[in-house]
């Protein structure tokens, strides 16, 4: 029995757990970590390796209006420290996505961001019209920067007029958050970030893979059947960090930063540069546990720094 004169234990000195949730328009992510489109399939591909309910959001592979097969092979090539790909946006199309993948994704309470693309401007509106009645779809990432397709995509992402018209078209089709994915190979990404804001976007994502090429010195032929593709992985991270910082200075929109995130420190660097959330991409191919490590690492960093929320470190770079 405890004595009346006994000294009570001191209060716990453990730091308060920081709030990890972030908002992208009307969508709430339980933490600031999603996956980059094209690196995570549509969910089932990683469900045995990753707890999908732990993610801040699931960003699925690009969906066009109709089923597509993508580019001929070879369409991936491992570079020193990264990956070159020209997959070409193969997918089941909007109706195929609804029939094959929406029932699976309904099992989870994680927001689903659908990456949408089109060969022509009207295709973007068609995809949204087909998907917008699905409650499982939480937001749309508008692919305006893919370097791996010959039509649409990058052509819209490097001209502010076309870029703006696609966003306005999609905005007129849905009340759900829309997130244009910006091209890295533009002279002023701030101008595109501001255009997205003016056209009613809820956030922007930065960056897509960087246009690149590799050549076999014995055959003298490109390593990819498509000749060129997009470079991803650690080599592009410093470029992506700089683009996020540039865009953060130009817009009030939340930014989802991506490009070469392999460790928690990479994700933290993006957030300090100005990203509200981050996406793990190429690392999913080599180590699917990267997502868990990044979530844990962000939380540990916030705790160590005495931050009360994930938003406390966004844009805090001293530059």
C-alpha atoms as a PDB file:
ATOM      1  CA  UNK A   1       0.000   0.000   0.000  1.00  0.00           C
ATOM      2  CA  UNK A   2       1.339   3.435  -0.964  1.00  0.00           C
ATOM      3  CA  UNK A   3       2.291   5.697   1.974  1.00  0.00           C
ATOM      4  CA  UNK A   4       0.615   9.100   2.254  1.00  0.00           C
ATOM      5  CA  UNK A   5       4.059  10.632   2.535  1.00  0.00           C
ATOM      6  CA  UNK A   6       5.429   8.983  -0.616  1.00  0.00           C
ATOM      7  CA  UNK A   7       6.622  11.292  -3.382  1.00  0.00           C
ATOM      8  CA  UNK A   8       4.456  11.125  -6.515  1.00  0.00           C
ATOM      9  CA  UNK A   9       6.237  10.216  -9.728  1.00  0.00           C
ATOM     10  CA  UNK A  10       7.382  13.176 -11.830  1.00  0.00           C
ATOM     11  CA  UNK A  11       5.191  14.067 -14.829  1.00  0.00           C
ATOM     12  CA  UNK A  12       6.149  12.421 -18.073  1.00  0.00           C
ATOM     13  CA  UNK A  13       8.698  14.415 -20.046  1.00  0.00           C
ATOM     14  CA  UNK A  14       8.088  12.614 -23.305  1.00  0.00           C
ATOM     15  CA  UNK A  15       7.470  15.081 -26.182  1.00  0.00           C
ATOM     16  CA  UNK A  16       3.980  15.541 -27.522  1.00  0.00           C
ATOM     17  CA  UNK A  17       3.275  13.627 -30.718  1.00  0.00           C
ATOM     18  CA  UNK A  18       3.071  16.061 -33.658  1.00  0.00           C
ATOM     19  CA  UNK A  19      -0.055  16.264 -35.807  1.00  0.00           C
ATOM     20  CA  UNK A  20       0.806  14.600 -39.116  1.00  0.00           C
ATOM     21  CA  UNK A  21      -2.347  15.330 -41.133  1.00  0.00           C
ATOM     22  CA  UNK A  22      -2.213  17.766 -44.070  1.00  0.00           C
ATOM     23  CA  UNK A  23      -4.895  19.155 -46.364  1.00  0.00           C
ATOM     24  CA  UNK A  24      -4.936  19.327 -50.142  1.00  0.00           C
ATOM     25  CA  UNK A  25      -8.054  21.311 -50.987  1.00  0.00           C
ATOM     26  CA  UNK A  26     -10.973  19.431 -49.446  1.00  0.00           C
ATOM     27  CA  UNK A  27      -8.914  16.229 -49.133  1.00  0.00           C
ATOM     28  CA  UNK A  28      -7.288  15.366 -45.816  1.00  0.00           C
ATOM     29  CA  UNK A  29      -4.226  13.120 -45.826  1.00  0.00           C
ATOM     30  CA  UNK A  30      -3.502  11.412 -42.495  1.00  0.00           C
ATOM     31  CA  UNK A  31       0.178  12.119 -43.065  1.00  0.00           C
ATOM     32  CA  UNK A  32       2.095  14.000 -45.786  1.00  0.00           C
ATOM     33  CA  UNK A  33       3.292  10.918 -47.681  1.00  0.00           C
ATOM     34  CA  UNK A  34       1.801   9.498 -50.880  1.00  0.00           C
ATOM     35  CA  UNK A  35       3.327   7.593 -53.803  1.00  0.00           C
ATOM     36  CA  UNK A  36       4.262   8.879 -57.238  1.00  0.00           C
ATOM     37  CA  UNK A  37       1.951   7.884 -60.060  1.00  0.00           C
ATOM     38  CA  UNK A  38       3.323   5.074 -62.176  1.00  0.00           C
ATOM     39  CA  UNK A  39       5.432   3.577 -59.392  1.00  0.00           C
ATOM     40  CA  UNK A  40       2.709   1.903 -57.324  1.00  0.00           C
ATOM     41  CA  UNK A  41       0.292   0.438 -59.843  1.00  0.00           C
ATOM     42  CA  UNK A  42      -3.315   0.779 -58.736  1.00  0.00           C
ATOM     43  CA  UNK A  43      -2.954  -0.500 -55.175  1.00  0.00           C
ATOM     44  CA  UNK A  44      -3.268  -4.310 -55.324  1.00  0.00           C
ATOM     45  CA  UNK A  45       0.277  -4.636 -56.640  1.00  0.00           C
ATOM     46  CA  UNK A  46       1.708  -3.458 -53.293  1.00  0.00           C
ATOM     47  CA  UNK A  47      -1.047  -4.468 -50.869  1.00  0.00           C
ATOM     48  CA  UNK A  48       0.919  -7.476 -49.582  1.00  0.00           C
ATOM     49  CA  UNK A  49       4.015  -5.356 -49.005  1.00  0.00           C
ATOM     50  CA  UNK A  50       2.641  -2.079 -47.634  1.00  0.00           C
ATOM     51  CA  UNK A  51      -0.226  -1.233 -45.275  1.00  0.00           C
ATOM     52  CA  UNK A  52      -2.302   0.901 -47.637  1.00  0.00           C
ATOM     53  CA  UNK A  53      -4.204   2.358 -44.700  1.00  0.00           C
ATOM     54  CA  UNK A  54      -0.960   3.870 -43.445  1.00  0.00           C
ATOM     55  CA  UNK A  55      -0.404   6.062 -46.498  1.00  0.00           C
ATOM     56  CA  UNK A  56      -1.494   9.664 -46.583  1.00  0.00           C
ATOM     57  CA  UNK A  57      -2.964   8.948 -50.023  1.00  0.00           C
ATOM     58  CA  UNK A  58      -2.680   6.380 -52.806  1.00  0.00           C
ATOM     59  CA  UNK A  59      -1.815   7.968 -56.150  1.00  0.00           C
ATOM     60  CA  UNK A  60      -2.615   5.488 -58.897  1.00  0.00           C
ATOM     61  CA  UNK A  61      -1.052   4.999 -62.295  1.00  0.00           C
ATOM     62  CA  UNK A  62      -2.267   7.260 -65.109  1.00  0.00           C
ATOM     63  CA  UNK A  63      -5.810   6.781 -66.422  1.00  0.00           C
ATOM     64  CA  UNK A  64      -6.837   7.841 -69.923  1.00  0.00           C
ATOM     65  CA  UNK A  65     -10.254   7.630 -71.554  1.00  0.00           C
ATOM     66  CA  UNK A  66      -9.575   4.214 -73.102  1.00  0.00           C
ATOM     67  CA  UNK A  67      -7.385   1.182 -72.489  1.00  0.00           C
ATOM     68  CA  UNK A  68      -3.825   1.619 -73.782  1.00  0.00           C
ATOM     69  CA  UNK A  69      -0.831  -0.696 -74.149  1.00  0.00           C
ATOM     70  CA  UNK A  70       1.970   1.826 -73.778  1.00  0.00           C
ATOM     71  CA  UNK A  71       5.286   1.930 -75.616  1.00  0.00           C
ATOM     72  CA  UNK A  72       7.191  -1.028 -77.099  1.00  0.00           C
ATOM     73  CA  UNK A  73       9.970  -2.683 -75.110  1.00  0.00           C
ATOM     74  CA  UNK A  74      12.621  -2.166 -73.913  1.00  0.00           C
ATOM     75  CA  UNK A  75      11.024   0.666 -72.006  1.00  0.00           C
ATOM     76  CA  UNK A  76      13.105   0.834 -68.817  1.00  0.00           C
ATOM     77  CA  UNK A  77      16.849   1.212 -68.351  1.00  0.00           C
ATOM     78  CA  UNK A  78      18.816   1.409 -65.118  1.00  0.00           C
ATOM     79  CA  UNK A  79      21.161   4.372 -64.993  1.00  0.00           C
ATOM     80  CA  UNK A  80      23.893   5.124 -62.477  1.00  0.00           C
ATOM     81  CA  UNK A  81      21.881   5.892 -59.363  1.00  0.00           C
ATOM     82  CA  UNK A  82      18.505   6.169 -61.078  1.00  0.00           C
ATOM     83  CA  UNK A  83      16.145   4.873 -63.733  1.00  0.00           C
ATOM     84  CA  UNK A  84      15.242   5.850 -67.274  1.00  0.00           C
ATOM     85  CA  UNK A  85      11.768   4.858 -68.445  1.00  0.00           C
ATOM     86  CA  UNK A  86       9.497   5.247 -71.423  1.00  0.00           C
ATOM     87  CA  UNK A  87       6.566   3.104 -70.283  1.00  0.00           C
ATOM     88  CA  UNK A  88       4.133   5.199 -72.277  1.00  0.00           C
ATOM     89  CA  UNK A  89       1.153   5.280 -69.886  1.00  0.00           C
ATOM     90  CA  UNK A  90      -0.356   1.805 -70.393  1.00  0.00           C
ATOM     91  CA  UNK A  91      -3.588   1.370 -68.460  1.00  0.00           C
ATOM     92  CA  UNK A  92      -7.109  -0.021 -68.333  1.00  0.00           C
ATOM     93  CA  UNK A  93      -8.853   3.227 -69.235  1.00  0.00           C
ATOM     94  CA  UNK A  94     -11.426   4.962 -67.055  1.00  0.00           C
ATOM     95  CA  UNK A  95     -14.106   2.276 -67.321  1.00  0.00           C
ATOM     96  CA  UNK A  96     -11.588  -0.493 -66.765  1.00  0.00           C
ATOM     97  CA  UNK A  97     -10.299   1.290 -63.673  1.00  0.00           C
ATOM     98  CA  UNK A  98     -13.834   1.565 -62.299  1.00  0.00           C
ATOM     99  CA  UNK A  99     -14.569  -2.105 -62.900  1.00  0.00           C
ATOM    100  CA  UNK A 100     -11.253  -3.650 -61.903  1.00  0.00           C
ATOM    101  CA  UNK A 101      -9.709  -1.415 -59.247  1.00  0.00           C
ATOM    102  CA  UNK A 102     -12.360   0.742 -57.573  1.00  0.00           C
ATOM    103  CA  UNK A 103     -13.907  -2.262 -55.730  1.00  0.00           C
ATOM    104  CA  UNK A 104     -10.475  -3.085 -54.297  1.00  0.00           C
ATOM    105  CA  UNK A 105      -9.696   0.497 -53.266  1.00  0.00           C
ATOM    106  CA  UNK A 106     -13.070   0.812 -51.521  1.00  0.00           C
ATOM    107  CA  UNK A 107     -11.760  -1.544 -48.844  1.00  0.00           C
ATOM    108  CA  UNK A 108      -9.434   1.159 -47.541  1.00  0.00           C
ATOM    109  CA  UNK A 109     -10.037   4.517 -45.894  1.00  0.00           C
ATOM    110  CA  UNK A 110      -7.039   6.102 -47.589  1.00  0.00           C
ATOM    111  CA  UNK A 111      -7.763   8.913 -50.081  1.00  0.00           C
ATOM    112  CA  UNK A 112      -7.208   7.953 -53.717  1.00  0.00           C
ATOM    113  CA  UNK A 113      -5.621  10.434 -56.113  1.00  0.00           C
ATOM    114  CA  UNK A 114      -6.177   9.439 -59.743  1.00  0.00           C
ATOM    115  CA  UNK A 115      -3.580  10.608 -62.236  1.00  0.00           C
ATOM    116  CA  UNK A 116      -5.368  11.493 -65.491  1.00  0.00           C
ATOM    117  CA  UNK A 117      -3.975  12.095 -68.960  1.00  0.00           C
ATOM    118  CA  UNK A 118      -5.089  12.533 -72.541  1.00  0.00           C
ATOM    119  CA  UNK A 119      -3.796  12.671 -76.081  1.00  0.00           C
ATOM    120  CA  UNK A 120      -5.974  15.707 -76.695  1.00  0.00           C
ATOM    121  CA  UNK A 121      -7.373  18.351 -74.396  1.00  0.00           C
ATOM    122  CA  UNK A 122     -10.924  17.004 -74.407  1.00  0.00           C
ATOM    123  CA  UNK A 123      -9.688  13.618 -73.192  1.00  0.00           C
ATOM    124  CA  UNK A 124      -8.997  15.090 -69.758  1.00  0.00           C
ATOM    125  CA  UNK A 125     -12.593  16.203 -69.418  1.00  0.00           C
ATOM    126  CA  UNK A 126     -13.862  12.827 -70.623  1.00  0.00           C
ATOM    127  CA  UNK A 127     -11.884  10.941 -67.983  1.00  0.00           C
ATOM    128  CA  UNK A 128     -13.135  13.190 -65.188  1.00  0.00           C
ATOM    129  CA  UNK A 129     -16.735  12.842 -66.366  1.00  0.00           C
ATOM    130  CA  UNK A 130     -16.378   9.050 -66.252  1.00  0.00           C
ATOM    131  CA  UNK A 131     -14.740   8.944 -62.819  1.00  0.00           C
ATOM    132  CA  UNK A 132     -16.355  11.773 -60.910  1.00  0.00           C
ATOM    133  CA  UNK A 133     -19.331   9.772 -59.678  1.00  0.00           C
ATOM    134  CA  UNK A 134     -17.037   7.377 -57.827  1.00  0.00           C
ATOM    135  CA  UNK A 135     -16.778   8.278 -54.133  1.00  0.00           C
ATOM    136  CA  UNK A 136     -13.523   6.317 -53.951  1.00  0.00           C
ATOM    137  CA  UNK A 137     -11.847   8.930 -56.155  1.00  0.00           C
ATOM    138  CA  UNK A 138     -10.744  11.731 -53.824  1.00  0.00           C
ATOM    139  CA  UNK A 139      -8.729  13.973 -56.162  1.00  0.00           C
ATOM    140  CA  UNK A 140      -7.239  14.214 -59.644  1.00  0.00           C
ATOM    141  CA  UNK A 141      -3.599  14.693 -60.501  1.00  0.00           C
ATOM    142  CA  UNK A 142      -3.536  16.194 -63.993  1.00  0.00           C
ATOM    143  CA  UNK A 143      -0.604  14.789 -65.938  1.00  0.00           C
ATOM    144  CA  UNK A 144       0.624  17.744 -67.979  1.00  0.00           C
ATOM    145  CA  UNK A 145       4.281  16.807 -68.075  1.00  0.00           C
ATOM    146  CA  UNK A 146       4.896  13.189 -69.088  1.00  0.00           C
ATOM    147  CA  UNK A 147       8.005  13.019 -71.317  1.00  0.00           C
ATOM    148  CA  UNK A 148       7.210   9.487 -72.509  1.00  0.00           C
ATOM    149  CA  UNK A 149       4.226   9.984 -74.827  1.00  0.00           C
ATOM    150  CA  UNK A 150       4.241  11.540 -78.276  1.00  0.00           C
ATOM    151  CA  UNK A 151       0.904  13.337 -77.918  1.00  0.00           C
ATOM    152  CA  UNK A 152      -0.545  15.574 -75.203  1.00  0.00           C
ATOM    153  CA  UNK A 153       1.143  15.475 -71.825  1.00  0.00           C
ATOM    154  CA  UNK A 154       4.381  17.387 -72.103  1.00  0.00           C
ATOM    155  CA  UNK A 155       3.061  19.581 -74.924  1.00  0.00           C
ATOM    156  CA  UNK A 156       0.404  20.969 -72.567  1.00  0.00           C
ATOM    157  CA  UNK A 157       2.866  21.299 -69.706  1.00  0.00           C
ATOM    158  CA  UNK A 158       5.361  23.552 -71.445  1.00  0.00           C
ATOM    159  CA  UNK A 159       2.949  26.166 -72.818  1.00  0.00           C
ATOM    160  CA  UNK A 160       1.123  28.272 -70.242  1.00  0.00           C
ATOM    161  CA  UNK A 161      -1.906  28.865 -72.473  1.00  0.00           C
ATOM    162  CA  UNK A 162      -2.507  25.161 -73.158  1.00  0.00           C
ATOM    163  CA  UNK A 163      -1.648  24.348 -69.552  1.00  0.00           C
ATOM    164  CA  UNK A 164      -4.239  26.811 -68.288  1.00  0.00           C
ATOM    165  CA  UNK A 165      -6.952  25.640 -70.688  1.00  0.00           C
ATOM    166  CA  UNK A 166      -6.633  22.019 -69.539  1.00  0.00           C
ATOM    167  CA  UNK A 167      -6.893  23.033 -65.893  1.00  0.00           C
ATOM    168  CA  UNK A 168      -9.928  25.214 -66.588  1.00  0.00           C
ATOM    169  CA  UNK A 169     -11.546  22.354 -68.509  1.00  0.00           C
ATOM    170  CA  UNK A 170     -11.042  19.906 -65.635  1.00  0.00           C
ATOM    171  CA  UNK A 171     -12.107  22.501 -63.066  1.00  0.00           C
ATOM    172  CA  UNK A 172     -15.410  22.827 -64.875  1.00  0.00           C
ATOM    173  CA  UNK A 173     -16.043  19.084 -64.616  1.00  0.00           C
ATOM    174  CA  UNK A 174     -15.491  18.447 -60.894  1.00  0.00           C
ATOM    175  CA  UNK A 175     -15.603  19.910 -57.403  1.00  0.00           C
ATOM    176  CA  UNK A 176     -12.939  17.483 -56.194  1.00  0.00           C
ATOM    177  CA  UNK A 177      -9.369  18.714 -55.694  1.00  0.00           C
ATOM    178  CA  UNK A 178      -7.326  18.993 -58.879  1.00  0.00           C
ATOM    179  CA  UNK A 179      -3.538  18.834 -58.805  1.00  0.00           C
ATOM    180  CA  UNK A 180      -1.678  19.714 -62.033  1.00  0.00           C
ATOM    181  CA  UNK A 181       1.649  17.891 -62.332  1.00  0.00           C
ATOM    182  CA  UNK A 182       4.201  20.401 -63.561  1.00  0.00           C
ATOM    183  CA  UNK A 183       6.919  19.807 -66.131  1.00  0.00           C
ATOM    184  CA  UNK A 184      10.509  20.291 -64.949  1.00  0.00           C
ATOM    185  CA  UNK A 185      11.875  21.457 -68.307  1.00  0.00           C
ATOM    186  CA  UNK A 186      10.417  24.974 -68.356  1.00  0.00           C
ATOM    187  CA  UNK A 187      12.223  28.279 -68.019  1.00  0.00           C
ATOM    188  CA  UNK A 188      10.038  29.596 -65.167  1.00  0.00           C
ATOM    189  CA  UNK A 189       8.133  27.045 -63.110  1.00  0.00           C
ATOM    190  CA  UNK A 190       6.795  29.877 -60.970  1.00  0.00           C
ATOM    191  CA  UNK A 191       4.762  31.121 -63.934  1.00  0.00           C
ATOM    192  CA  UNK A 192       3.113  27.700 -64.285  1.00  0.00           C
ATOM    193  CA  UNK A 193       2.493  27.465 -60.548  1.00  0.00           C
ATOM    194  CA  UNK A 194       0.783  30.868 -60.609  1.00  0.00           C
ATOM    195  CA  UNK A 195      -1.227  29.911 -63.705  1.00  0.00           C
ATOM    196  CA  UNK A 196      -2.458  26.779 -61.911  1.00  0.00           C
ATOM    197  CA  UNK A 197      -3.552  28.899 -58.960  1.00  0.00           C
ATOM    198  CA  UNK A 198      -5.355  31.403 -61.198  1.00  0.00           C
ATOM    199  CA  UNK A 199      -7.209  28.603 -63.011  1.00  0.00           C
ATOM    200  CA  UNK A 200      -8.670  27.070 -59.865  1.00  0.00           C
ATOM    201  CA  UNK A 201      -6.230  24.275 -59.024  1.00  0.00           C
ATOM    202  CA  UNK A 202      -6.160  23.118 -55.398  1.00  0.00           C
ATOM    203  CA  UNK A 203      -2.484  22.123 -55.362  1.00  0.00           C
ATOM    204  CA  UNK A 204       0.396  21.334 -57.704  1.00  0.00           C
ATOM    205  CA  UNK A 205       2.791  18.394 -57.852  1.00  0.00           C
ATOM    206  CA  UNK A 206       6.479  18.781 -58.709  1.00  0.00           C
ATOM    207  CA  UNK A 207       8.181  17.123 -60.488  1.00  0.00           C
ATOM    208  CA  UNK A 208       7.700  14.575 -63.254  1.00  0.00           C
ATOM    209  CA  UNK A 209      10.661  12.588 -64.576  1.00  0.00           C
ATOM    210  CA  UNK A 210      13.214  14.629 -66.515  1.00  0.00           C
ATOM    211  CA  UNK A 211      13.546  14.124 -70.313  1.00  0.00           C
ATOM    212  CA  UNK A 212      16.679  12.043 -70.882  1.00  0.00           C
ATOM    213  CA  UNK A 213      18.413   9.496 -73.082  1.00  0.00           C
ATOM    214  CA  UNK A 214      20.913   6.602 -72.910  1.00  0.00           C
ATOM    215  CA  UNK A 215      22.855   5.005 -75.786  1.00  0.00           C
ATOM    216  CA  UNK A 216      24.445   1.562 -76.064  1.00  0.00           C
ATOM    217  CA  UNK A 217      28.007   2.229 -77.206  1.00  0.00           C
ATOM    218  CA  UNK A 218      28.354  -1.215 -78.842  1.00  0.00           C
ATOM    219  CA  UNK A 219      25.180  -1.196 -80.943  1.00  0.00           C
ATOM    220  CA  UNK A 220      25.081   2.620 -81.214  1.00  0.00           C
ATOM    221  CA  UNK A 221      21.342   2.381 -80.544  1.00  0.00           C
ATOM    222  CA  UNK A 222      19.289   4.050 -77.809  1.00  0.00           C
ATOM    223  CA  UNK A 223      18.704   1.820 -74.787  1.00  0.00           C
ATOM    224  CA  UNK A 224      14.955   2.534 -74.982  1.00  0.00           C
ATOM    225  CA  UNK A 225      12.740   1.562 -77.900  1.00  0.00           C
ATOM    226  CA  UNK A 226      11.149   4.990 -77.573  1.00  0.00           C
ATOM    227  CA  UNK A 227      14.669   6.477 -77.969  1.00  0.00           C
ATOM    228  CA  UNK A 228      14.138   8.957 -75.128  1.00  0.00           C
ATOM    229  CA  UNK A 229      12.375   8.696 -71.795  1.00  0.00           C
ATOM    230  CA  UNK A 230      12.185  10.185 -68.345  1.00  0.00           C
ATOM    231  CA  UNK A 231      14.938  10.093 -65.731  1.00  0.00           C
ATOM    232  CA  UNK A 232      13.875   9.473 -62.134  1.00  0.00           C
ATOM    233  CA  UNK A 233      15.488   8.590 -58.824  1.00  0.00           C
ATOM    234  CA  UNK A 234      18.209  10.273 -56.732  1.00  0.00           C
ATOM    235  CA  UNK A 235      19.936  12.074 -59.655  1.00  0.00           C
ATOM    236  CA  UNK A 236      16.959  14.414 -60.116  1.00  0.00           C
ATOM    237  CA  UNK A 237      16.386  15.287 -56.450  1.00  0.00           C
ATOM    238  CA  UNK A 238      18.418  18.529 -56.377  1.00  0.00           C
ATOM    239  CA  UNK A 239      16.540  19.706 -59.483  1.00  0.00           C
ATOM    240  CA  UNK A 240      13.203  18.890 -57.875  1.00  0.00           C
ATOM    241  CA  UNK A 241      14.125  20.621 -54.618  1.00  0.00           C
ATOM    242  CA  UNK A 242      14.989  23.803 -56.492  1.00  0.00           C
ATOM    243  CA  UNK A 243      11.757  23.685 -58.509  1.00  0.00           C
ATOM    244  CA  UNK A 244       9.670  23.216 -55.352  1.00  0.00           C
ATOM    245  CA  UNK A 245      11.404  26.201 -53.768  1.00  0.00           C
ATOM    246  CA  UNK A 246      10.819  28.326 -56.876  1.00  0.00           C
ATOM    247  CA  UNK A 247       7.137  27.363 -57.010  1.00  0.00           C
ATOM    248  CA  UNK A 248       6.658  27.912 -53.274  1.00  0.00           C
ATOM    249  CA  UNK A 249       7.766  31.528 -53.704  1.00  0.00           C
ATOM    250  CA  UNK A 250       5.306  32.043 -56.561  1.00  0.00           C
ATOM    251  CA  UNK A 251       2.083  30.500 -55.261  1.00  0.00           C
ATOM    252  CA  UNK A 252       0.023  29.905 -52.142  1.00  0.00           C
ATOM    253  CA  UNK A 253      -1.079  26.493 -53.404  1.00  0.00           C
ATOM    254  CA  UNK A 254       0.038  23.389 -51.490  1.00  0.00           C
ATOM    255  CA  UNK A 255       2.825  21.519 -53.288  1.00  0.00           C
ATOM    256  CA  UNK A 256       3.323  17.753 -53.452  1.00  0.00           C
ATOM    257  CA  UNK A 257       7.066  17.330 -53.926  1.00  0.00           C
ATOM    258  CA  UNK A 258       8.717  14.294 -55.485  1.00  0.00           C
ATOM    259  CA  UNK A 259      11.864  13.183 -57.224  1.00  0.00           C
ATOM    260  CA  UNK A 260      14.507  10.926 -55.720  1.00  0.00           C
ATOM    261  CA  UNK A 261      13.034  10.374 -52.250  1.00  0.00           C
ATOM    262  CA  UNK A 262      14.797   7.308 -50.840  1.00  0.00           C
ATOM    263  CA  UNK A 263      15.216   8.281 -47.189  1.00  0.00           C
ATOM    264  CA  UNK A 264      13.244  10.336 -44.636  1.00  0.00           C
ATOM    265  CA  UNK A 265      15.840  13.094 -44.926  1.00  0.00           C
ATOM    266  CA  UNK A 266      14.989  13.477 -48.618  1.00  0.00           C
ATOM    267  CA  UNK A 267      11.300  13.996 -47.842  1.00  0.00           C
ATOM    268  CA  UNK A 268      12.104  16.423 -45.039  1.00  0.00           C
ATOM    269  CA  UNK A 269      14.286  18.447 -47.400  1.00  0.00           C
ATOM    270  CA  UNK A 270      11.361  18.765 -49.828  1.00  0.00           C
ATOM    271  CA  UNK A 271       9.086  20.009 -47.055  1.00  0.00           C
ATOM    272  CA  UNK A 272      11.619  22.548 -45.829  1.00  0.00           C
ATOM    273  CA  UNK A 273      11.875  23.783 -49.433  1.00  0.00           C
ATOM    274  CA  UNK A 274       8.097  24.332 -49.520  1.00  0.00           C
ATOM    275  CA  UNK A 275       6.275  21.041 -50.096  1.00  0.00           C
ATOM    276  CA  UNK A 276       3.166  20.394 -48.001  1.00  0.00           C
ATOM    277  CA  UNK A 277       3.303  16.695 -48.910  1.00  0.00           C
ATOM    278  CA  UNK A 278       5.708  14.348 -50.675  1.00  0.00           C
ATOM    279  CA  UNK A 279       5.520  11.338 -52.961  1.00  0.00           C
ATOM    280  CA  UNK A 280       7.821   8.313 -52.947  1.00  0.00           C
ATOM    281  CA  UNK A 281       8.447   7.101 -56.495  1.00  0.00           C
ATOM    282  CA  UNK A 282      11.302   5.057 -57.938  1.00  0.00           C
ATOM    283  CA  UNK A 283      12.259   3.791 -54.478  1.00  0.00           C
ATOM    284  CA  UNK A 284       9.063   1.695 -54.483  1.00  0.00           C
ATOM    285  CA  UNK A 285      10.657  -0.558 -57.102  1.00  0.00           C
ATOM    286  CA  UNK A 286      13.721  -1.328 -55.023  1.00  0.00           C
ATOM    287  CA  UNK A 287      12.430  -1.123 -51.449  1.00  0.00           C
ATOM    288  CA  UNK A 288       8.672  -0.885 -50.797  1.00  0.00           C
ATOM    289  CA  UNK A 289       9.373  -0.303 -47.081  1.00  0.00           C
ATOM    290  CA  UNK A 290      10.685   3.153 -48.013  1.00  0.00           C
ATOM    291  CA  UNK A 291       7.184   4.566 -47.514  1.00  0.00           C
ATOM    292  CA  UNK A 292       6.993   3.384 -43.903  1.00  0.00           C
ATOM    293  CA  UNK A 293      10.490   4.644 -43.152  1.00  0.00           C
ATOM    294  CA  UNK A 294       9.681   8.049 -44.619  1.00  0.00           C
ATOM    295  CA  UNK A 295       6.487   8.416 -42.568  1.00  0.00           C
ATOM    296  CA  UNK A 296       8.279   7.358 -39.369  1.00  0.00           C
ATOM    297  CA  UNK A 297      11.252   9.583 -40.136  1.00  0.00           C
ATOM    298  CA  UNK A 298       9.160  12.686 -40.704  1.00  0.00           C
ATOM    299  CA  UNK A 299       7.341  12.140 -37.415  1.00  0.00           C
ATOM    300  CA  UNK A 300      10.611  11.574 -35.549  1.00  0.00           C
ATOM    301  CA  UNK A 301      12.105  14.748 -37.033  1.00  0.00           C
ATOM    302  CA  UNK A 302       9.077  16.842 -36.099  1.00  0.00           C
ATOM    303  CA  UNK A 303       9.228  15.470 -32.551  1.00  0.00           C
ATOM    304  CA  UNK A 304      12.960  16.159 -32.255  1.00  0.00           C
ATOM    305  CA  UNK A 305      12.506  19.720 -33.501  1.00  0.00           C
ATOM    306  CA  UNK A 306       9.561  20.381 -31.185  1.00  0.00           C
ATOM    307  CA  UNK A 307       7.122  20.942 -34.056  1.00  0.00           C
ATOM    308  CA  UNK A 308       3.426  20.599 -33.271  1.00  0.00           C
ATOM    309  CA  UNK A 309       2.436  19.673 -36.856  1.00  0.00           C
ATOM    310  CA  UNK A 310       3.841  18.657 -40.207  1.00  0.00           C
ATOM    311  CA  UNK A 311       3.013  22.109 -41.532  1.00  0.00           C
ATOM    312  CA  UNK A 312       5.436  23.739 -39.118  1.00  0.00           C
ATOM    313  CA  UNK A 313       8.457  22.928 -41.269  1.00  0.00           C
ATOM    314  CA  UNK A 314       6.957  23.722 -44.692  1.00  0.00           C
ATOM    315  CA  UNK A 315       8.934  26.437 -46.448  1.00  0.00           C
ATOM    316  CA  UNK A 316      11.282  27.084 -43.524  1.00  0.00           C
ATOM    317  CA  UNK A 317      14.465  27.095 -45.621  1.00  0.00           C
ATOM    318  CA  UNK A 318      16.685  30.031 -44.686  1.00  0.00           C
ATOM    319  CA  UNK A 319      17.333  31.316 -48.184  1.00  0.00           C
END
